[in-house]
mmCIF file of all heavy atoms, coordinates in Angstrom:
data_MODEL
# 
_entry.id   MODEL 
# 
loop_
_atom_site.group_PDB 
_atom_site.id 
_atom_site.type_symbol 
_atom_site.label_atom_id 
_atom_site.label_alt_id 
_atom_site.label_comp_id 
_atom_site.label_asym_id 
_atom_site.label_entity_id 
_atom_site.label_seq_id 
_atom_site.pdbx_PDB_ins_code 
_atom_site.Cartn_x 
_atom_site.Cartn_y 
_atom_site.Cartn_z 
_atom_site.occupancy 
_atom_site.B_iso_or_equiv 
_atom_site.pdbx_formal_charge 
_atom_site.auth_seq_id 
_atom_site.auth_comp_id 
_atom_site.auth_asym_id 
_atom_site.auth_atom_id 
_atom_site.pdbx_PDB_model_num 
ATOM 1   N N   . SER A 1 1  ? 99.316  110.187 74.304  1.00 0.00 ? 1  SER A N   1 
ATOM 2   C CA  . SER A 1 1  ? 99.335  111.411 75.106  1.00 0.00 ? 1  SER A CA  1 
ATOM 3   C C   . SER A 1 1  ? 100.003 111.073 76.503  1.00 0.00 ? 1  SER A C   1 
ATOM 4   O O   . SER A 1 1  ? 100.241 109.937 76.839  1.00 0.00 ? 1  SER A O   1 
ATOM 5   C CB  . SER A 1 1  ? 97.935  111.955 75.330  1.00 0.00 ? 1  SER A CB  1 
ATOM 6   O OG  . SER A 1 1  ? 97.156  111.037 76.027  1.00 0.00 ? 1  SER A OG  1 
ATOM 7   N N   . ARG A 1 2  ? 100.281 112.145 77.227  1.00 0.00 ? 2  ARG A N   1 
ATOM 8   C CA  . ARG A 1 2  ? 100.998 112.029 78.485  1.00 0.00 ? 2  ARG A CA  1 
ATOM 9   C C   . ARG A 1 2  ? 100.265 112.722 79.613  1.00 0.00 ? 2  ARG A C   1 
ATOM 10  O O   . ARG A 1 2  ? 99.725  113.827 79.400  1.00 0.00 ? 2  ARG A O   1 
ATOM 11  C CB  . ARG A 1 2  ? 102.394 112.564 78.319  1.00 0.00 ? 2  ARG A CB  1 
ATOM 12  C CG  . ARG A 1 2  ? 103.169 112.759 79.588  1.00 0.00 ? 2  ARG A CG  1 
ATOM 13  C CD  . ARG A 1 2  ? 104.510 113.516 79.346  1.00 0.00 ? 2  ARG A CD  1 
ATOM 14  N NE  . ARG A 1 2  ? 105.168 113.791 80.623  1.00 0.00 ? 2  ARG A NE  1 
ATOM 15  C CZ  . ARG A 1 2  ? 106.431 113.543 80.898  1.00 0.00 ? 2  ARG A CZ  1 
ATOM 16  N NH1 . ARG A 1 2  ? 107.175 112.976 80.005  1.00 0.00 ? 2  ARG A NH1 1 
ATOM 17  N NH2 . ARG A 1 2  ? 106.924 113.873 82.068  1.00 0.00 ? 2  ARG A NH2 1 
ATOM 18  N N   . VAL A 1 3  ? 100.332 112.138 80.789  1.00 0.00 ? 3  VAL A N   1 
ATOM 19  C CA  . VAL A 1 3  ? 99.826  112.795 81.988  1.00 0.00 ? 3  VAL A CA  1 
ATOM 20  C C   . VAL A 1 3  ? 100.997 112.961 82.966  1.00 0.00 ? 3  VAL A C   1 
ATOM 21  O O   . VAL A 1 3  ? 101.630 111.962 83.327  1.00 0.00 ? 3  VAL A O   1 
ATOM 22  C CB  . VAL A 1 3  ? 98.708  111.975 82.661  1.00 0.00 ? 3  VAL A CB  1 
ATOM 23  C CG1 . VAL A 1 3  ? 98.207  112.671 83.926  1.00 0.00 ? 3  VAL A CG1 1 
ATOM 24  C CG2 . VAL A 1 3  ? 97.518  111.781 81.725  1.00 0.00 ? 3  VAL A CG2 1 
ATOM 25  N N   . ASP A 1 4  ? 101.338 114.158 83.283  1.00 0.00 ? 4  ASP A N   1 
ATOM 26  C CA  . ASP A 1 4  ? 102.465 114.400 84.229  1.00 0.00 ? 4  ASP A CA  1 
ATOM 27  C C   . ASP A 1 4  ? 102.087 113.912 85.628  1.00 0.00 ? 4  ASP A C   1 
ATOM 28  O O   . ASP A 1 4  ? 100.917 114.050 86.066  1.00 0.00 ? 4  ASP A O   1 
ATOM 29  C CB  . ASP A 1 4  ? 102.792 115.903 84.275  1.00 0.00 ? 4  ASP A CB  1 
ATOM 30  C CG  . ASP A 1 4  ? 103.390 116.417 82.981  1.00 0.00 ? 4  ASP A CG  1 
ATOM 31  O OD1 . ASP A 1 4  ? 103.954 115.580 82.252  1.00 0.00 ? 4  ASP A OD1 1 
ATOM 32  O OD2 . ASP A 1 4  ? 103.241 117.596 82.690  1.00 0.00 ? 4  ASP A OD2 1 
ATOM 33  N N   . ALA A 1 5  ? 103.078 113.366 86.307  1.00 0.00 ? 5  ALA A N   1 
ATOM 34  C CA  . ALA A 1 5  ? 102.807 112.839 87.629  1.00 0.00 ? 5  ALA A CA  1 
ATOM 35  C C   . ALA A 1 5  ? 104.135 112.800 88.437  1.00 0.00 ? 5  ALA A C   1 
ATOM 36  O O   . ALA A 1 5  ? 105.210 112.641 87.876  1.00 0.00 ? 5  ALA A O   1 
ATOM 37  C CB  . ALA A 1 5  ? 102.214 111.422 87.548  1.00 0.00 ? 5  ALA A CB  1 
ATOM 38  N N   . ASP A 1 6  ? 104.009 112.910 89.737  1.00 0.00 ? 6  ASP A N   1 
ATOM 39  C CA  . ASP A 1 6  ? 105.102 112.684 90.682  1.00 0.00 ? 6  ASP A CA  1 
ATOM 40  C C   . ASP A 1 6  ? 104.960 111.364 91.409  1.00 0.00 ? 6  ASP A C   1 
ATOM 41  O O   . ASP A 1 6  ? 105.928 110.819 91.915  1.00 0.00 ? 6  ASP A O   1 
ATOM 42  C CB  . ASP A 1 6  ? 105.164 113.810 91.737  1.00 0.00 ? 6  ASP A CB  1 
ATOM 43  C CG  . ASP A 1 6  ? 105.226 115.187 91.085  1.00 0.00 ? 6  ASP A CG  1 
ATOM 44  O OD1 . ASP A 1 6  ? 106.196 115.451 90.323  1.00 0.00 ? 6  ASP A OD1 1 
ATOM 45  O OD2 . ASP A 1 6  ? 104.281 116.033 91.360  1.00 0.00 ? 6  ASP A OD2 1 
ATOM 46  N N   . ALA A 1 7  ? 103.725 110.878 91.453  1.00 0.00 ? 7  ALA A N   1 
ATOM 47  C CA  . ALA A 1 7  ? 103.439 109.626 92.160  1.00 0.00 ? 7  ALA A CA  1 
ATOM 48  C C   . ALA A 1 7  ? 102.182 109.014 91.568  1.00 0.00 ? 7  ALA A C   1 
ATOM 49  O O   . ALA A 1 7  ? 101.379 109.700 90.890  1.00 0.00 ? 7  ALA A O   1 
ATOM 50  C CB  . ALA A 1 7  ? 103.241 109.867 93.685  1.00 0.00 ? 7  ALA A CB  1 
ATOM 51  N N   . MET A 1 8  ? 102.022 107.678 91.849  1.00 0.00 ? 8  MET A N   1 
ATOM 52  C CA  . MET A 1 8  ? 100.836 106.981 91.320  1.00 0.00 ? 8  MET A CA  1 
ATOM 53  C C   . MET A 1 8  ? 100.288 106.136 92.414  1.00 0.00 ? 8  MET A C   1 
ATOM 54  O O   . MET A 1 8  ? 101.016 105.680 93.347  1.00 0.00 ? 8  MET A O   1 
ATOM 55  C CB  . MET A 1 8  ? 101.246 106.127 90.118  1.00 0.00 ? 8  MET A CB  1 
ATOM 56  C CG  . MET A 1 8  ? 101.740 106.901 88.892  1.00 0.00 ? 8  MET A CG  1 
ATOM 57  S SD  . MET A 1 8  ? 102.302 105.794 87.577  1.00 0.00 ? 8  MET A SD  1 
ATOM 58  C CE  . MET A 1 8  ? 100.769 104.950 87.185  1.00 0.00 ? 8  MET A CE  1 
ATOM 59  N N   . LEU A 1 9  ? 98.978  105.848 92.298  1.00 0.00 ? 9  LEU A N   1 
ATOM 60  C CA  . LEU A 1 9  ? 98.324  104.872 93.213  1.00 0.00 ? 9  LEU A CA  1 
ATOM 61  C C   . LEU A 1 9  ? 97.602  103.882 92.345  1.00 0.00 ? 9  LEU A C   1 
ATOM 62  O O   . LEU A 1 9  ? 96.871  104.226 91.402  1.00 0.00 ? 9  LEU A O   1 
ATOM 63  C CB  . LEU A 1 9  ? 97.376  105.575 94.156  1.00 0.00 ? 9  LEU A CB  1 
ATOM 64  C CG  . LEU A 1 9  ? 96.700  104.629 95.173  1.00 0.00 ? 9  LEU A CG  1 
ATOM 65  C CD1 . LEU A 1 9  ? 96.640  105.277 96.569  1.00 0.00 ? 9  LEU A CD1 1 
ATOM 66  C CD2 . LEU A 1 9  ? 95.294  104.217 94.708  1.00 0.00 ? 9  LEU A CD2 1 
ATOM 67  N N   . VAL A 1 10 ? 97.835  102.589 92.687  1.00 0.00 ? 10 VAL A N   1 
ATOM 68  C CA  . VAL A 1 10 ? 97.164  101.533 91.997  1.00 0.00 ? 10 VAL A CA  1 
ATOM 69  C C   . VAL A 1 10 ? 96.520  100.569 92.963  1.00 0.00 ? 10 VAL A C   1 
ATOM 70  O O   . VAL A 1 10 ? 96.975  100.457 94.105  1.00 0.00 ? 10 VAL A O   1 
ATOM 71  C CB  . VAL A 1 10 ? 98.097  100.708 91.049  1.00 0.00 ? 10 VAL A CB  1 
ATOM 72  C CG1 . VAL A 1 10 ? 98.791  101.633 90.011  1.00 0.00 ? 10 VAL A CG1 1 
ATOM 73  C CG2 . VAL A 1 10 ? 99.206  100.012 91.871  1.00 0.00 ? 10 VAL A CG2 1 
ATOM 74  N N   . GLY A 1 11 ? 95.512  99.849  92.517  1.00 0.00 ? 11 GLY A N   1 
ATOM 75  C CA  . GLY A 1 11 ? 94.882  98.839  93.357  1.00 0.00 ? 11 GLY A CA  1 
ATOM 76  C C   . GLY A 1 11 ? 95.111  97.493  92.741  1.00 0.00 ? 11 GLY A C   1 
ATOM 77  O O   . GLY A 1 11 ? 94.349  97.023  91.942  1.00 0.00 ? 11 GLY A O   1 
ATOM 78  N N   . PRO A 1 12 ? 96.199  96.833  93.170  1.00 0.00 ? 12 PRO A N   1 
ATOM 79  C CA  . PRO A 1 12 ? 96.534  95.539  92.564  1.00 0.00 ? 12 PRO A CA  1 
ATOM 80  C C   . PRO A 1 12 ? 95.590  94.423  92.950  1.00 0.00 ? 12 PRO A C   1 
ATOM 81  O O   . PRO A 1 12 ? 94.916  94.490  94.021  1.00 0.00 ? 12 PRO A O   1 
ATOM 82  C CB  . PRO A 1 12 ? 97.958  95.278  93.109  1.00 0.00 ? 12 PRO A CB  1 
ATOM 83  C CG  . PRO A 1 12 ? 97.960  95.959  94.443  1.00 0.00 ? 12 PRO A CG  1 
ATOM 84  C CD  . PRO A 1 12 ? 97.133  97.163  94.258  1.00 0.00 ? 12 PRO A CD  1 
ATOM 85  N N   . ARG A 1 13 ? 95.521  93.406  92.119  1.00 0.00 ? 13 ARG A N   1 
ATOM 86  C CA  . ARG A 1 13 ? 94.820  92.187  92.547  1.00 0.00 ? 13 ARG A CA  1 
ATOM 87  C C   . ARG A 1 13 ? 95.743  91.503  93.531  1.00 0.00 ? 13 ARG A C   1 
ATOM 88  O O   . ARG A 1 13 ? 96.955  91.721  93.543  1.00 0.00 ? 13 ARG A O   1 
ATOM 89  C CB  . ARG A 1 13 ? 94.531  91.323  91.349  1.00 0.00 ? 13 ARG A CB  1 
ATOM 90  C CG  . ARG A 1 13 ? 93.568  91.936  90.311  1.00 0.00 ? 13 ARG A CG  1 
ATOM 91  C CD  . ARG A 1 13 ? 93.154  90.934  89.256  1.00 0.00 ? 13 ARG A CD  1 
ATOM 92  N NE  . ARG A 1 13 ? 92.399  89.850  89.816  1.00 0.00 ? 13 ARG A NE  1 
ATOM 93  C CZ  . ARG A 1 13 ? 91.080  89.918  90.091  1.00 0.00 ? 13 ARG A CZ  1 
ATOM 94  N NH1 . ARG A 1 13 ? 90.415  91.007  89.868  1.00 0.00 ? 13 ARG A NH1 1 
ATOM 95  N NH2 . ARG A 1 13 ? 90.445  88.844  90.625  1.00 0.00 ? 13 ARG A NH2 1 
ATOM 96  N N   . PHE A 1 14 ? 95.180  90.613  94.360  1.00 0.00 ? 14 PHE A N   1 
ATOM 97  C CA  . PHE A 1 14 ? 95.980  89.951  95.376  1.00 0.00 ? 14 PHE A CA  1 
ATOM 98  C C   . PHE A 1 14 ? 95.588  88.513  95.514  1.00 0.00 ? 14 PHE A C   1 
ATOM 99  O O   . PHE A 1 14 ? 94.451  88.129  95.288  1.00 0.00 ? 14 PHE A O   1 
ATOM 100 C CB  . PHE A 1 14 ? 95.828  90.682  96.741  1.00 0.00 ? 14 PHE A CB  1 
ATOM 101 C CG  . PHE A 1 14 ? 94.404  90.939  97.118  1.00 0.00 ? 14 PHE A CG  1 
ATOM 102 C CD1 . PHE A 1 14 ? 93.604  89.998  97.734  1.00 0.00 ? 14 PHE A CD1 1 
ATOM 103 C CD2 . PHE A 1 14 ? 93.823  92.203  96.812  1.00 0.00 ? 14 PHE A CD2 1 
ATOM 104 C CE1 . PHE A 1 14 ? 92.321  90.267  98.077  1.00 0.00 ? 14 PHE A CE1 1 
ATOM 105 C CE2 . PHE A 1 14 ? 92.520  92.456  97.176  1.00 0.00 ? 14 PHE A CE2 1 
ATOM 106 C CZ  . PHE A 1 14 ? 91.751  91.506  97.784  1.00 0.00 ? 14 PHE A CZ  1 
ATOM 107 N N   . HIS A 1 15 ? 96.576  87.701  95.854  1.00 0.00 ? 15 HIS A N   1 
ATOM 108 C CA  . HIS A 1 15 ? 96.388  86.251  95.983  1.00 0.00 ? 15 HIS A CA  1 
ATOM 109 C C   . HIS A 1 15 ? 97.191  85.767  97.234  1.00 0.00 ? 15 HIS A C   1 
ATOM 110 O O   . HIS A 1 15 ? 98.289  86.209  97.470  1.00 0.00 ? 15 HIS A O   1 
ATOM 111 C CB  . HIS A 1 15 ? 96.921  85.492  94.766  1.00 0.00 ? 15 HIS A CB  1 
ATOM 112 C CG  . HIS A 1 15 ? 96.384  86.026  93.465  1.00 0.00 ? 15 HIS A CG  1 
ATOM 113 N ND1 . HIS A 1 15 ? 95.114  85.729  93.030  1.00 0.00 ? 15 HIS A ND1 1 
ATOM 114 C CD2 . HIS A 1 15 ? 96.931  86.835  92.529  1.00 0.00 ? 15 HIS A CD2 1 
ATOM 115 C CE1 . HIS A 1 15 ? 94.891  86.312  91.892  1.00 0.00 ? 15 HIS A CE1 1 
ATOM 116 N NE2 . HIS A 1 15 ? 95.968  87.003  91.557  1.00 0.00 ? 15 HIS A NE2 1 
ATOM 117 N N   . PRO A 1 16 ? 96.602  84.867  98.004  1.00 0.00 ? 16 PRO A N   1 
ATOM 118 C CA  . PRO A 1 16 ? 97.335  84.320  99.201  1.00 0.00 ? 16 PRO A CA  1 
ATOM 119 C C   . PRO A 1 16 ? 98.438  83.336  98.819  1.00 0.00 ? 16 PRO A C   1 
ATOM 120 O O   . PRO A 1 16 ? 98.316  82.622  97.851  1.00 0.00 ? 16 PRO A O   1 
ATOM 121 C CB  . PRO A 1 16 ? 96.247  83.638  99.975  1.00 0.00 ? 16 PRO A CB  1 
ATOM 122 C CG  . PRO A 1 16 ? 95.229  83.278  98.970  1.00 0.00 ? 16 PRO A CG  1 
ATOM 123 C CD  . PRO A 1 16 ? 95.250  84.302  97.890  1.00 0.00 ? 16 PRO A CD  1 
ATOM 124 N N   . ARG A 1 17 ? 99.527  83.386  99.628  1.00 0.00 ? 17 ARG A N   1 
ATOM 125 C CA  . ARG A 1 17 ? 100.601 82.419  99.398  1.00 0.00 ? 17 ARG A CA  1 
ATOM 126 C C   . ARG A 1 17 ? 100.239 81.137  100.156 1.00 0.00 ? 17 ARG A C   1 
ATOM 127 O O   . ARG A 1 17 ? 100.529 81.025  101.314 1.00 0.00 ? 17 ARG A O   1 
ATOM 128 C CB  . ARG A 1 17 ? 101.925 82.968  99.910  1.00 0.00 ? 17 ARG A CB  1 
ATOM 129 C CG  . ARG A 1 17 ? 102.475 84.183  99.172  1.00 0.00 ? 17 ARG A CG  1 
ATOM 130 C CD  . ARG A 1 17 ? 103.869 84.498  99.751  1.00 0.00 ? 17 ARG A CD  1 
ATOM 131 N NE  . ARG A 1 17 ? 104.536 85.508  99.017  1.00 0.00 ? 17 ARG A NE  1 
ATOM 132 C CZ  . ARG A 1 17 ? 104.768 86.765  99.486  1.00 0.00 ? 17 ARG A CZ  1 
ATOM 133 N NH1 . ARG A 1 17 ? 104.319 87.080  100.707 1.00 0.00 ? 17 ARG A NH1 1 
ATOM 134 N NH2 . ARG A 1 17 ? 105.411 87.641  98.801  1.00 0.00 ? 17 ARG A NH2 1 
ATOM 135 N N   . ILE A 1 18 ? 99.624  80.196  99.496  1.00 0.00 ? 18 ILE A N   1 
ATOM 136 C CA  . ILE A 1 18 ? 99.149  79.011  100.180 1.00 0.00 ? 18 ILE A CA  1 
ATOM 137 C C   . ILE A 1 18 ? 99.604  77.710  99.484  1.00 0.00 ? 18 ILE A C   1 
ATOM 138 O O   . ILE A 1 18 ? 99.073  76.632  99.853  1.00 0.00 ? 18 ILE A O   1 
ATOM 139 C CB  . ILE A 1 18 ? 97.600  78.994  100.351 1.00 0.00 ? 18 ILE A CB  1 
ATOM 140 C CG1 . ILE A 1 18 ? 96.941  79.098  98.976  1.00 0.00 ? 18 ILE A CG1 1 
ATOM 141 C CG2 . ILE A 1 18 ? 97.169  80.135  101.226 1.00 0.00 ? 18 ILE A CG2 1 
ATOM 142 C CD1 . ILE A 1 18 ? 95.491  78.782  99.047  1.00 0.00 ? 18 ILE A CD1 1 
ATOM 143 N N   . GLU A 1 19 ? 100.519 77.781  98.607  1.00 0.00 ? 19 GLU A N   1 
ATOM 144 C CA  . GLU A 1 19 ? 100.904 76.598  97.853  1.00 0.00 ? 19 GLU A CA  1 
ATOM 145 C C   . GLU A 1 19 ? 101.334 75.451  98.782  1.00 0.00 ? 19 GLU A C   1 
ATOM 146 O O   . GLU A 1 19 ? 100.962 74.259  98.541  1.00 0.00 ? 19 GLU A O   1 
ATOM 147 C CB  . GLU A 1 19 ? 102.046 76.917  96.853  1.00 0.00 ? 19 GLU A CB  1 
ATOM 148 C CG  . GLU A 1 19 ? 101.640 77.830  95.715  1.00 0.00 ? 19 GLU A CG  1 
ATOM 149 C CD  . GLU A 1 19 ? 101.621 79.268  96.088  1.00 0.00 ? 19 GLU A CD  1 
ATOM 150 O OE1 . GLU A 1 19 ? 101.953 79.596  97.249  1.00 0.00 ? 19 GLU A OE1 1 
ATOM 151 O OE2 . GLU A 1 19 ? 101.245 80.107  95.244  1.00 0.00 ? 19 GLU A OE2 1 
ATOM 152 N N   . PRO A 1 20 ? 102.107 75.682  99.886  1.00 0.00 ? 20 PRO A N   1 
ATOM 153 C CA  . PRO A 1 20 ? 102.508 74.577  100.730 1.00 0.00 ? 20 PRO A CA  1 
ATOM 154 C C   . PRO A 1 20 ? 101.381 73.890  101.430 1.00 0.00 ? 20 PRO A C   1 
ATOM 155 O O   . PRO A 1 20 ? 101.521 72.771  101.938 1.00 0.00 ? 20 PRO A O   1 
ATOM 156 C CB  . PRO A 1 20 ? 103.463 75.241  101.741 1.00 0.00 ? 20 PRO A CB  1 
ATOM 157 C CG  . PRO A 1 20 ? 103.912 76.516  101.115 1.00 0.00 ? 20 PRO A CG  1 
ATOM 158 C CD  . PRO A 1 20 ? 102.699 76.939  100.311 1.00 0.00 ? 20 PRO A CD  1 
ATOM 159 N N   . PHE A 1 21 ? 100.215 74.466  101.496 1.00 0.00 ? 21 PHE A N   1 
ATOM 160 C CA  . PHE A 1 21 ? 99.114  73.984  102.296 1.00 0.00 ? 21 PHE A CA  1 
ATOM 161 C C   . PHE A 1 21 ? 98.034  73.257  101.440 1.00 0.00 ? 21 PHE A C   1 
ATOM 162 O O   . PHE A 1 21 ? 97.020  72.868  102.035 1.00 0.00 ? 21 PHE A O   1 
ATOM 163 C CB  . PHE A 1 21 ? 98.475  75.095  103.103 1.00 0.00 ? 21 PHE A CB  1 
ATOM 164 C CG  . PHE A 1 21 ? 99.497  75.952  103.840 1.00 0.00 ? 21 PHE A CG  1 
ATOM 165 C CD1 . PHE A 1 21 ? 99.907  77.163  103.319 1.00 0.00 ? 21 PHE A CD1 1 
ATOM 166 C CD2 . PHE A 1 21 ? 100.033 75.520  105.017 1.00 0.00 ? 21 PHE A CD2 1 
ATOM 167 C CE1 . PHE A 1 21 ? 100.864 77.935  103.959 1.00 0.00 ? 21 PHE A CE1 1 
ATOM 168 C CE2 . PHE A 1 21 ? 100.959 76.299  105.674 1.00 0.00 ? 21 PHE A CE2 1 
ATOM 169 C CZ  . PHE A 1 21 ? 101.434 77.510  105.148 1.00 0.00 ? 21 PHE A CZ  1 
ATOM 170 N N   . ALA A 1 22 ? 98.285  73.141  100.172 1.00 0.00 ? 22 ALA A N   1 
ATOM 171 C CA  . ALA A 1 22 ? 97.274  72.569  99.339  1.00 0.00 ? 22 ALA A CA  1 
ATOM 172 C C   . ALA A 1 22 ? 96.895  71.132  99.750  1.00 0.00 ? 22 ALA A C   1 
ATOM 173 O O   . ALA A 1 22 ? 95.727  70.710  99.660  1.00 0.00 ? 22 ALA A O   1 
ATOM 174 C CB  . ALA A 1 22 ? 97.755  72.576  97.869  1.00 0.00 ? 22 ALA A CB  1 
ATOM 175 N N   . GLY A 1 23 ? 97.915  70.379  100.218 1.00 0.00 ? 23 GLY A N   1 
ATOM 176 C CA  . GLY A 1 23 ? 97.666  68.987  100.598 1.00 0.00 ? 23 GLY A CA  1 
ATOM 177 C C   . GLY A 1 23 ? 96.753  68.870  101.861 1.00 0.00 ? 23 GLY A C   1 
ATOM 178 O O   . GLY A 1 23 ? 96.178  67.791  102.073 1.00 0.00 ? 23 GLY A O   1 
ATOM 179 N N   . LEU A 1 24 ? 96.631  69.952  102.588 1.00 0.00 ? 24 LEU A N   1 
ATOM 180 C CA  . LEU A 1 24 ? 95.753  69.942  103.757 1.00 0.00 ? 24 LEU A CA  1 
ATOM 181 C C   . LEU A 1 24 ? 94.311  70.277  103.421 1.00 0.00 ? 24 LEU A C   1 
ATOM 182 O O   . LEU A 1 24 ? 93.456  70.149  104.269 1.00 0.00 ? 24 LEU A O   1 
ATOM 183 C CB  . LEU A 1 24 ? 96.248  70.965  104.807 1.00 0.00 ? 24 LEU A CB  1 
ATOM 184 C CG  . LEU A 1 24 ? 97.583  70.725  105.481 1.00 0.00 ? 24 LEU A CG  1 
ATOM 185 C CD1 . LEU A 1 24 ? 97.968  71.932  106.386 1.00 0.00 ? 24 LEU A CD1 1 
ATOM 186 C CD2 . LEU A 1 24 ? 97.497  69.447  106.302 1.00 0.00 ? 24 LEU A CD2 1 
ATOM 187 N N   . GLY A 1 25 ? 94.088  70.688  102.153 1.00 0.00 ? 25 GLY A N   1 
ATOM 188 C CA  . GLY A 1 25 ? 92.783  71.109  101.744 1.00 0.00 ? 25 GLY A CA  1 
ATOM 189 C C   . GLY A 1 25 ? 92.461  72.537  102.030 1.00 0.00 ? 25 GLY A C   1 
ATOM 190 O O   . GLY A 1 25 ? 91.320  72.988  101.917 1.00 0.00 ? 25 GLY A O   1 
# 
């Protein structure tokens, strides 16, 4: 089935960009 829409809202999961800092703990 279909739901008509002009726009959507989503709540994404999120993760910090911290790969360069792993060696610091």
